[in-house]
C-alpha cells in the first residue's frame, strides 16, 4: 500500500471544506481541513503536508501574509489559492502560488493537485560527477552528487 499524499485545505465555508475533502479523498489523498489561517499554520507546524489548498477570500485574513508565512516555513510545499474571478490582488498574482478561479472546476482542481504533488515528489536531478583533474589525487569525491557539495581537501 502506498502512502497517501497529504493536503491541507483552508476555507471558512464548511460546505466547501466538506466538498473538497470528499473530492480529494476519492482521489486517494489524505486531507486535513482548517477554518482559519492561524488554524492552518498550527496544523502545518504539527504535521507535514505535500500541498496547501487555500481560500483566497478568507474573511478577516491577510491571505498574502498567510501565504508568505506558510511559504517561509514550508518552502517546498506548493500552494493552490482559490480566488474570485478577476481578483488581481490574489497572492498568486505575485507568483506565490497557483490560482484557480471560483467556482472551481473539479476536474481542473484534481489535475492541478496531481501535477503539483508529482512535481514535488520527483527526485532531485542527478548531477554528473566532475571530470578528473590534476588535483584529483588530493581531493575526495563529492559526498552526494545531487547535493553538489565537496568535502574539504585531504591534508
N, C-alpha and C. Protein backbone atom coordinates (compact mmCIF):
# COMPACT_ATOMS: atom_id res chain seq x y z
N UNK A 1 0.84 -1.19 0.00
CA UNK A 1 0.00 0.00 0.00
C UNK A 1 0.88 1.24 0.00
N UNK A 2 0.60 2.18 -0.87
CA UNK A 2 1.41 3.39 -0.95
C UNK A 2 0.92 4.43 0.06
N UNK A 3 1.82 5.32 0.40
CA UNK A 3 1.48 6.39 1.34
C UNK A 3 0.70 7.46 0.58
N UNK A 4 -0.41 7.87 1.16
CA UNK A 4 -1.24 8.89 0.53
C UNK A 4 -0.63 10.27 0.76
N UNK A 5 -0.60 11.08 -0.28
CA UNK A 5 -0.12 12.45 -0.15
C UNK A 5 -1.10 13.23 0.71
N UNK A 6 -0.54 14.11 1.54
CA UNK A 6 -1.35 14.86 2.50
C UNK A 6 -1.58 16.29 2.00
N UNK A 7 -2.84 16.71 2.06
CA UNK A 7 -3.24 18.04 1.61
C UNK A 7 -3.91 18.77 2.76
N UNK A 8 -3.55 20.04 2.94
CA UNK A 8 -4.19 20.90 3.93
C UNK A 8 -5.13 21.84 3.19
N UNK A 9 -6.43 21.74 3.49
CA UNK A 9 -7.45 22.58 2.87
C UNK A 9 -7.86 23.65 3.88
N UNK A 10 -7.82 24.92 3.47
CA UNK A 10 -8.19 26.02 4.34
C UNK A 10 -9.32 26.81 3.70
N UNK A 11 -10.49 26.77 4.34
CA UNK A 11 -11.66 27.51 3.83
C UNK A 11 -12.60 27.75 5.00
N UNK A 12 -13.18 28.94 5.05
CA UNK A 12 -14.10 29.26 6.15
C UNK A 12 -15.48 28.64 5.96
N UNK A 13 -15.81 28.22 4.75
CA UNK A 13 -17.13 27.67 4.46
C UNK A 13 -17.13 26.16 4.69
N UNK A 14 -17.93 25.67 5.66
CA UNK A 14 -17.94 24.24 5.96
C UNK A 14 -18.38 23.38 4.77
N UNK A 15 -19.30 23.89 3.94
CA UNK A 15 -19.75 23.12 2.78
C UNK A 15 -18.62 22.95 1.77
N UNK A 16 -17.82 23.99 1.57
CA UNK A 16 -16.69 23.91 0.64
C UNK A 16 -15.63 22.96 1.20
N UNK A 17 -15.32 23.07 2.49
CA UNK A 17 -14.36 22.16 3.11
C UNK A 17 -14.80 20.71 2.92
N UNK A 18 -16.08 20.44 3.17
CA UNK A 18 -16.59 19.08 3.05
C UNK A 18 -16.52 18.58 1.60
N UNK A 19 -16.88 19.44 0.65
CA UNK A 19 -16.85 19.07 -0.76
C UNK A 19 -15.41 18.75 -1.19
N UNK A 20 -14.46 19.61 -0.82
CA UNK A 20 -13.06 19.40 -1.20
C UNK A 20 -12.50 18.14 -0.53
N UNK A 21 -12.86 17.93 0.72
CA UNK A 21 -12.43 16.73 1.44
C UNK A 21 -12.93 15.48 0.71
N UNK A 22 -14.19 15.48 0.32
CA UNK A 22 -14.79 14.33 -0.36
C UNK A 22 -14.13 14.08 -1.72
N UNK A 23 -13.99 15.14 -2.52
CA UNK A 23 -13.41 15.00 -3.86
C UNK A 23 -11.96 14.51 -3.77
N UNK A 24 -11.17 15.11 -2.90
CA UNK A 24 -9.76 14.74 -2.80
C UNK A 24 -9.58 13.37 -2.16
N UNK A 25 -10.45 13.01 -1.21
CA UNK A 25 -10.40 11.68 -0.62
C UNK A 25 -10.70 10.62 -1.68
N UNK A 26 -11.64 10.89 -2.57
CA UNK A 26 -11.96 9.96 -3.65
C UNK A 26 -10.77 9.76 -4.59
N UNK A 27 -9.88 10.75 -4.65
CA UNK A 27 -8.67 10.66 -5.47
C UNK A 27 -7.50 10.06 -4.68
N UNK A 28 -7.80 9.55 -3.49
CA UNK A 28 -6.84 8.87 -2.62
C UNK A 28 -5.81 9.81 -1.97
N UNK A 29 -6.21 11.04 -1.70
CA UNK A 29 -5.38 11.96 -0.93
C UNK A 29 -5.86 11.94 0.52
N UNK A 30 -4.93 12.16 1.43
CA UNK A 30 -5.27 12.32 2.84
C UNK A 30 -5.45 13.82 3.07
N UNK A 31 -6.61 14.21 3.58
CA UNK A 31 -6.95 15.64 3.67
C UNK A 31 -7.23 16.03 5.11
N UNK A 32 -6.62 17.15 5.52
CA UNK A 32 -6.94 17.81 6.79
C UNK A 32 -7.52 19.16 6.44
N UNK A 33 -8.43 19.64 7.26
CA UNK A 33 -9.06 20.93 6.97
C UNK A 33 -8.86 21.91 8.12
N UNK A 34 -8.88 23.18 7.77
CA UNK A 34 -8.79 24.27 8.74
C UNK A 34 -9.75 25.36 8.31
N UNK A 35 -10.29 26.10 9.29
CA UNK A 35 -11.23 27.20 9.00
C UNK A 35 -10.54 28.54 8.86
N UNK A 36 -9.39 28.69 9.52
CA UNK A 36 -8.71 29.99 9.55
C UNK A 36 -7.23 29.83 9.23
N UNK A 37 -6.60 30.95 8.96
CA UNK A 37 -5.17 30.94 8.70
C UNK A 37 -4.37 30.48 9.90
N UNK A 38 -4.73 30.95 11.09
CA UNK A 38 -3.97 30.56 12.28
C UNK A 38 -4.13 29.07 12.56
N UNK A 39 -5.32 28.54 12.32
CA UNK A 39 -5.54 27.10 12.50
C UNK A 39 -4.70 26.32 11.48
N UNK A 40 -4.61 26.81 10.26
CA UNK A 40 -3.81 26.16 9.23
C UNK A 40 -2.33 26.16 9.59
N UNK A 41 -1.82 27.30 10.05
CA UNK A 41 -0.40 27.38 10.42
C UNK A 41 -0.09 26.46 11.59
N UNK A 42 -1.02 26.36 12.53
CA UNK A 42 -0.83 25.46 13.67
C UNK A 42 -0.77 24.00 13.20
N UNK A 43 -1.69 23.61 12.32
CA UNK A 43 -1.68 22.25 11.77
C UNK A 43 -0.38 21.98 11.00
N UNK A 44 0.06 22.96 10.22
CA UNK A 44 1.27 22.79 9.42
C UNK A 44 2.52 22.70 10.28
N UNK A 45 2.50 23.29 11.48
CA UNK A 45 3.63 23.14 12.39
C UNK A 45 3.68 21.73 12.97
N UNK A 46 2.51 21.14 13.17
CA UNK A 46 2.42 19.83 13.83
C UNK A 46 2.51 18.66 12.85
N UNK A 47 2.15 18.87 11.60
CA UNK A 47 2.08 17.78 10.63
C UNK A 47 2.74 18.22 9.33
N UNK A 48 3.09 17.24 8.49
CA UNK A 48 3.67 17.60 7.19
C UNK A 48 2.61 17.41 6.10
N UNK A 49 2.67 18.28 5.12
CA UNK A 49 1.72 18.26 4.00
C UNK A 49 2.50 18.38 2.70
N UNK A 50 1.92 17.86 1.64
CA UNK A 50 2.53 17.97 0.32
C UNK A 50 1.89 19.08 -0.51
N UNK A 51 0.77 19.65 0.00
CA UNK A 51 0.10 20.71 -0.76
C UNK A 51 -0.81 21.51 0.18
N UNK A 52 -0.88 22.82 -0.06
CA UNK A 52 -1.83 23.69 0.64
C UNK A 52 -2.86 24.16 -0.38
N UNK A 53 -4.13 23.96 -0.04
CA UNK A 53 -5.25 24.43 -0.87
C UNK A 53 -5.98 25.48 -0.05
N UNK A 54 -5.89 26.73 -0.47
CA UNK A 54 -6.28 27.86 0.36
C UNK A 54 -7.34 28.73 -0.30
N UNK A 55 -8.37 29.08 0.48
CA UNK A 55 -9.38 30.04 0.04
C UNK A 55 -8.73 31.42 0.01
N UNK A 56 -8.69 32.03 -1.16
CA UNK A 56 -8.07 33.35 -1.29
C UNK A 56 -8.94 34.49 -0.78
N UNK A 57 -10.15 34.16 -0.30
CA UNK A 57 -11.08 35.17 0.20
C UNK A 57 -11.46 34.93 1.65
N UNK A 58 -10.52 34.43 2.45
CA UNK A 58 -10.82 34.19 3.86
C UNK A 58 -11.18 35.52 4.54
N UNK A 59 -12.31 35.58 5.24
CA UNK A 59 -12.67 36.83 5.91
C UNK A 59 -11.72 37.13 7.07
N UNK A 60 -11.45 38.40 7.25
CA UNK A 60 -10.61 38.89 8.34
C UNK A 60 -9.20 38.31 8.31
N UNK A 61 -8.73 37.94 7.11
CA UNK A 61 -7.39 37.36 6.96
C UNK A 61 -6.64 38.13 5.89
N UNK A 62 -5.37 38.31 6.09
CA UNK A 62 -4.50 38.83 5.04
C UNK A 62 -3.90 37.59 4.37
N UNK A 63 -4.52 37.16 3.27
CA UNK A 63 -4.14 35.92 2.62
C UNK A 63 -2.71 36.01 2.07
N UNK A 64 -2.31 37.17 1.60
CA UNK A 64 -0.93 37.34 1.13
C UNK A 64 0.07 37.08 2.23
N UNK A 65 -0.19 37.62 3.41
CA UNK A 65 0.70 37.40 4.56
C UNK A 65 0.68 35.93 4.96
N UNK A 66 -0.50 35.32 4.98
CA UNK A 66 -0.62 33.91 5.32
C UNK A 66 0.19 33.05 4.34
N UNK A 67 0.08 33.33 3.06
CA UNK A 67 0.85 32.59 2.06
C UNK A 67 2.35 32.77 2.28
N UNK A 68 2.75 33.99 2.58
CA UNK A 68 4.16 34.26 2.85
C UNK A 68 4.67 33.50 4.06
N UNK A 69 3.88 33.47 5.15
CA UNK A 69 4.28 32.74 6.35
C UNK A 69 4.38 31.24 6.06
N UNK A 70 3.40 30.73 5.32
CA UNK A 70 3.42 29.31 5.00
C UNK A 70 4.62 28.98 4.11
N UNK A 71 4.86 29.80 3.09
CA UNK A 71 5.97 29.57 2.17
C UNK A 71 7.31 29.65 2.89
N UNK A 72 7.43 30.55 3.85
CA UNK A 72 8.68 30.68 4.60
C UNK A 72 8.93 29.43 5.45
N UNK A 73 7.88 28.94 6.09
CA UNK A 73 8.02 27.76 6.96
C UNK A 73 8.09 26.46 6.17
N UNK A 74 7.49 26.43 4.99
CA UNK A 74 7.40 25.20 4.18
C UNK A 74 7.69 25.53 2.71
N UNK A 75 8.94 25.88 2.40
CA UNK A 75 9.25 26.36 1.04
C UNK A 75 9.05 25.33 -0.06
N UNK A 76 9.02 24.06 0.28
CA UNK A 76 8.88 23.02 -0.74
C UNK A 76 7.43 22.58 -0.96
N UNK A 77 6.50 23.19 -0.24
CA UNK A 77 5.09 22.79 -0.34
C UNK A 77 4.37 23.75 -1.29
N UNK A 78 3.86 23.23 -2.41
CA UNK A 78 3.14 24.11 -3.34
C UNK A 78 1.79 24.54 -2.78
N UNK A 79 1.30 25.67 -3.29
CA UNK A 79 0.02 26.21 -2.85
C UNK A 79 -0.91 26.41 -4.04
N UNK A 80 -2.17 26.09 -3.82
CA UNK A 80 -3.23 26.44 -4.77
C UNK A 80 -4.14 27.41 -4.02
N UNK A 81 -4.35 28.58 -4.61
CA UNK A 81 -5.20 29.58 -3.98
C UNK A 81 -6.47 29.70 -4.82
N UNK A 82 -7.61 29.48 -4.16
CA UNK A 82 -8.92 29.57 -4.83
C UNK A 82 -9.40 31.01 -4.71
N UNK A 83 -9.62 31.67 -5.86
CA UNK A 83 -9.94 33.09 -5.87
C UNK A 83 -11.18 33.38 -6.70
N UNK A 84 -11.80 34.51 -6.37
CA UNK A 84 -12.90 35.01 -7.19
C UNK A 84 -12.34 35.44 -8.54
N UNK A 85 -13.14 35.29 -9.58
CA UNK A 85 -12.72 35.70 -10.93
C UNK A 85 -12.30 37.17 -10.92
N UNK A 86 -11.19 37.46 -11.54
CA UNK A 86 -10.73 38.84 -11.66
C UNK A 86 -10.07 39.41 -10.42
N UNK A 87 -9.74 38.59 -9.43
CA UNK A 87 -9.10 39.07 -8.21
C UNK A 87 -7.61 39.24 -8.47
N UNK A 88 -7.23 40.42 -8.96
CA UNK A 88 -5.83 40.67 -9.31
C UNK A 88 -4.95 40.89 -8.09
N UNK A 89 -5.55 41.02 -6.91
CA UNK A 89 -4.74 41.22 -5.70
C UNK A 89 -4.44 39.89 -5.01
N UNK A 90 -4.84 38.77 -5.62
CA UNK A 90 -4.58 37.46 -5.02
C UNK A 90 -3.08 37.22 -4.94
N UNK A 91 -2.63 36.51 -3.90
CA UNK A 91 -1.20 36.23 -3.74
C UNK A 91 -0.59 35.55 -4.96
N UNK A 92 -1.36 34.73 -5.66
CA UNK A 92 -0.80 34.03 -6.82
C UNK A 92 -0.49 34.99 -7.95
N UNK A 93 -1.10 36.17 -7.94
CA UNK A 93 -0.77 37.15 -8.97
C UNK A 93 0.65 37.67 -8.77
N UNK A 94 1.22 37.43 -7.58
CA UNK A 94 2.59 37.81 -7.28
C UNK A 94 3.53 36.61 -7.34
N UNK A 95 3.07 35.49 -7.88
CA UNK A 95 3.93 34.33 -8.04
C UNK A 95 4.04 33.43 -6.82
N UNK A 96 3.20 33.63 -5.80
CA UNK A 96 3.31 32.83 -4.59
C UNK A 96 2.72 31.44 -4.77
N UNK A 97 1.67 31.33 -5.54
CA UNK A 97 1.02 30.03 -5.72
C UNK A 97 0.31 29.96 -7.05
N UNK A 98 -0.42 28.86 -7.25
CA UNK A 98 -1.22 28.68 -8.45
C UNK A 98 -2.64 29.11 -8.12
N UNK A 99 -3.23 29.95 -8.97
CA UNK A 99 -4.60 30.39 -8.76
C UNK A 99 -5.58 29.53 -9.54
N UNK A 100 -6.67 29.18 -8.89
CA UNK A 100 -7.81 28.57 -9.55
C UNK A 100 -9.02 29.43 -9.24
N UNK A 101 -9.78 29.79 -10.28
CA UNK A 101 -10.93 30.66 -10.08
C UNK A 101 -12.14 29.90 -9.58
N UNK A 102 -12.90 30.58 -8.72
CA UNK A 102 -14.18 30.07 -8.23
C UNK A 102 -15.26 30.47 -9.23
N UNK A 103 -16.28 29.69 -9.41
CA UNK A 103 -16.48 28.36 -8.85
C UNK A 103 -15.47 27.39 -9.45
N UNK A 104 -15.00 26.47 -8.63
CA UNK A 104 -13.95 25.55 -9.03
C UNK A 104 -14.44 24.53 -10.05
N UNK A 105 -13.59 24.28 -11.02
CA UNK A 105 -13.77 23.18 -11.96
C UNK A 105 -13.05 22.00 -11.30
N UNK A 106 -13.81 21.03 -10.80
CA UNK A 106 -13.23 19.94 -10.01
C UNK A 106 -12.23 19.11 -10.81
N UNK A 107 -12.48 18.90 -12.09
CA UNK A 107 -11.51 18.15 -12.90
C UNK A 107 -10.19 18.90 -12.98
N UNK A 108 -10.27 20.21 -13.18
CA UNK A 108 -9.05 21.02 -13.25
C UNK A 108 -8.35 21.03 -11.89
N UNK A 109 -9.11 21.11 -10.81
CA UNK A 109 -8.52 21.09 -9.46
C UNK A 109 -7.76 19.78 -9.24
N UNK A 110 -8.41 18.66 -9.52
CA UNK A 110 -7.78 17.35 -9.31
C UNK A 110 -6.53 17.21 -10.17
N UNK A 111 -6.60 17.65 -11.43
CA UNK A 111 -5.45 17.59 -12.32
C UNK A 111 -4.30 18.45 -11.79
N UNK A 112 -4.61 19.67 -11.35
CA UNK A 112 -3.58 20.59 -10.84
C UNK A 112 -2.95 20.04 -9.56
N UNK A 113 -3.78 19.52 -8.66
CA UNK A 113 -3.26 18.92 -7.43
C UNK A 113 -2.29 17.80 -7.78
N UNK A 114 -2.70 16.91 -8.67
CA UNK A 114 -1.85 15.79 -9.06
C UNK A 114 -0.53 16.24 -9.67
N UNK A 115 -0.59 17.24 -10.55
CA UNK A 115 0.62 17.74 -11.20
C UNK A 115 1.58 18.36 -10.19
N UNK A 116 1.05 19.17 -9.27
CA UNK A 116 1.92 19.84 -8.29
C UNK A 116 2.55 18.83 -7.33
N UNK A 117 1.77 17.88 -6.87
CA UNK A 117 2.33 16.88 -5.95
C UNK A 117 3.35 16.01 -6.67
N UNK A 118 3.07 15.63 -7.91
CA UNK A 118 4.03 14.82 -8.67
C UNK A 118 5.34 15.58 -8.87
N UNK A 119 5.24 16.88 -9.14
CA UNK A 119 6.44 17.69 -9.34
C UNK A 119 7.28 17.76 -8.07
N UNK A 120 6.65 17.85 -6.92
CA UNK A 120 7.36 17.93 -5.65
C UNK A 120 8.00 16.59 -5.31
N UNK A 121 7.35 15.51 -5.69
CA UNK A 121 7.84 14.18 -5.33
C UNK A 121 8.92 13.66 -6.28
N UNK A 122 9.22 14.38 -7.35
CA UNK A 122 10.27 13.96 -8.27
C UNK A 122 11.61 14.00 -7.53
N UNK A 123 12.45 12.99 -7.70
CA UNK A 123 13.76 13.05 -7.07
C UNK A 123 14.59 14.17 -7.69
N UNK A 124 15.52 14.73 -6.92
CA UNK A 124 16.35 15.80 -7.48
C UNK A 124 17.16 15.28 -8.67
N UNK A 125 17.44 16.12 -9.64
CA UNK A 125 18.21 15.66 -10.80
C UNK A 125 19.60 15.22 -10.38
N UNK A 126 20.07 14.18 -11.00
CA UNK A 126 21.42 13.70 -10.70
C UNK A 126 22.42 14.62 -11.37
N UNK A 127 23.44 14.95 -10.63
CA UNK A 127 24.49 15.81 -11.15
C UNK A 127 25.65 14.92 -11.54
N UNK A 128 26.14 15.10 -12.74
CA UNK A 128 27.28 14.30 -13.19
C UNK A 128 28.49 14.62 -12.35
N UNK A 129 29.27 13.59 -11.98
CA UNK A 129 30.48 13.87 -11.20
C UNK A 129 31.45 14.69 -12.03
N UNK A 130 32.24 15.52 -11.38
CA UNK A 130 33.19 16.36 -12.12
C UNK A 130 34.24 15.50 -12.82
N UNK A 131 34.74 16.01 -13.93
CA UNK A 131 35.79 15.31 -14.67
C UNK A 131 37.05 15.27 -13.82
N UNK A 132 37.81 14.19 -13.90
CA UNK A 132 39.06 14.11 -13.13
C UNK A 132 39.98 15.26 -13.53
N UNK A 133 40.67 15.79 -12.53
CA UNK A 133 41.60 16.88 -12.79
C UNK A 133 42.96 16.51 -12.23
N UNK A 134 43.93 17.38 -12.44
CA UNK A 134 45.28 17.13 -11.95
C UNK A 134 45.30 17.03 -10.44
N UNK A 135 44.40 17.74 -9.77
CA UNK A 135 44.39 17.72 -8.31
C UNK A 135 43.48 16.62 -7.77
N UNK A 136 43.01 15.72 -8.63
CA UNK A 136 42.06 14.68 -8.22
C UNK A 136 42.62 13.80 -7.11
N UNK A 137 43.93 13.61 -7.10
CA UNK A 137 44.50 12.74 -6.08
C UNK A 137 44.48 13.37 -4.70
N UNK A 138 44.31 14.67 -4.59
CA UNK A 138 44.31 15.33 -3.29
C UNK A 138 42.92 15.69 -2.82
N UNK A 139 41.90 15.40 -3.63
CA UNK A 139 40.53 15.73 -3.23
C UNK A 139 39.70 14.47 -3.13
N UNK A 140 38.76 14.49 -2.19
CA UNK A 140 37.79 13.41 -2.08
C UNK A 140 36.68 13.66 -3.10
N UNK A 141 35.98 12.61 -3.52
CA UNK A 141 34.84 12.83 -4.42
C UNK A 141 33.72 13.56 -3.67
N UNK A 142 32.77 14.13 -4.40
CA UNK A 142 31.64 14.79 -3.72
C UNK A 142 30.91 13.80 -2.81
N UNK A 143 30.34 14.32 -1.72
CA UNK A 143 29.60 13.48 -0.79
C UNK A 143 28.40 12.84 -1.46
N UNK A 144 27.63 13.62 -2.16
CA UNK A 144 26.47 13.14 -2.90
C UNK A 144 26.34 14.05 -4.11
N UNK A 145 26.43 13.49 -5.30
CA UNK A 145 26.39 14.36 -6.49
C UNK A 145 25.15 15.25 -6.55
N UNK A 146 24.02 14.80 -6.01
CA UNK A 146 22.80 15.61 -6.06
C UNK A 146 22.94 16.85 -5.20
N UNK A 147 23.77 16.77 -4.15
CA UNK A 147 23.93 17.92 -3.27
C UNK A 147 24.85 18.96 -3.89
N UNK A 148 25.80 18.51 -4.70
CA UNK A 148 26.76 19.43 -5.31
C UNK A 148 27.79 19.95 -4.32
N UNK A 149 27.98 19.25 -3.21
CA UNK A 149 28.94 19.68 -2.19
C UNK A 149 30.20 18.85 -2.28
N UNK A 150 31.33 19.45 -1.93
CA UNK A 150 32.60 18.72 -1.87
C UNK A 150 33.13 18.83 -0.44
N UNK A 151 33.74 17.75 0.04
CA UNK A 151 34.36 17.82 1.36
C UNK A 151 35.65 18.65 1.27
N UNK A 152 36.21 18.97 2.40
CA UNK A 152 37.46 19.71 2.44
C UNK A 152 38.56 18.86 1.79
N UNK A 153 39.55 19.52 1.14
CA UNK A 153 40.67 18.75 0.55
C UNK A 153 41.39 17.95 1.63
N UNK A 154 41.97 16.83 1.22
CA UNK A 154 42.73 16.00 2.16
C UNK A 154 44.05 16.70 2.43
N UNK A 155 44.43 16.80 3.69
CA UNK A 155 45.69 17.48 4.03
C UNK A 155 46.85 16.53 3.97
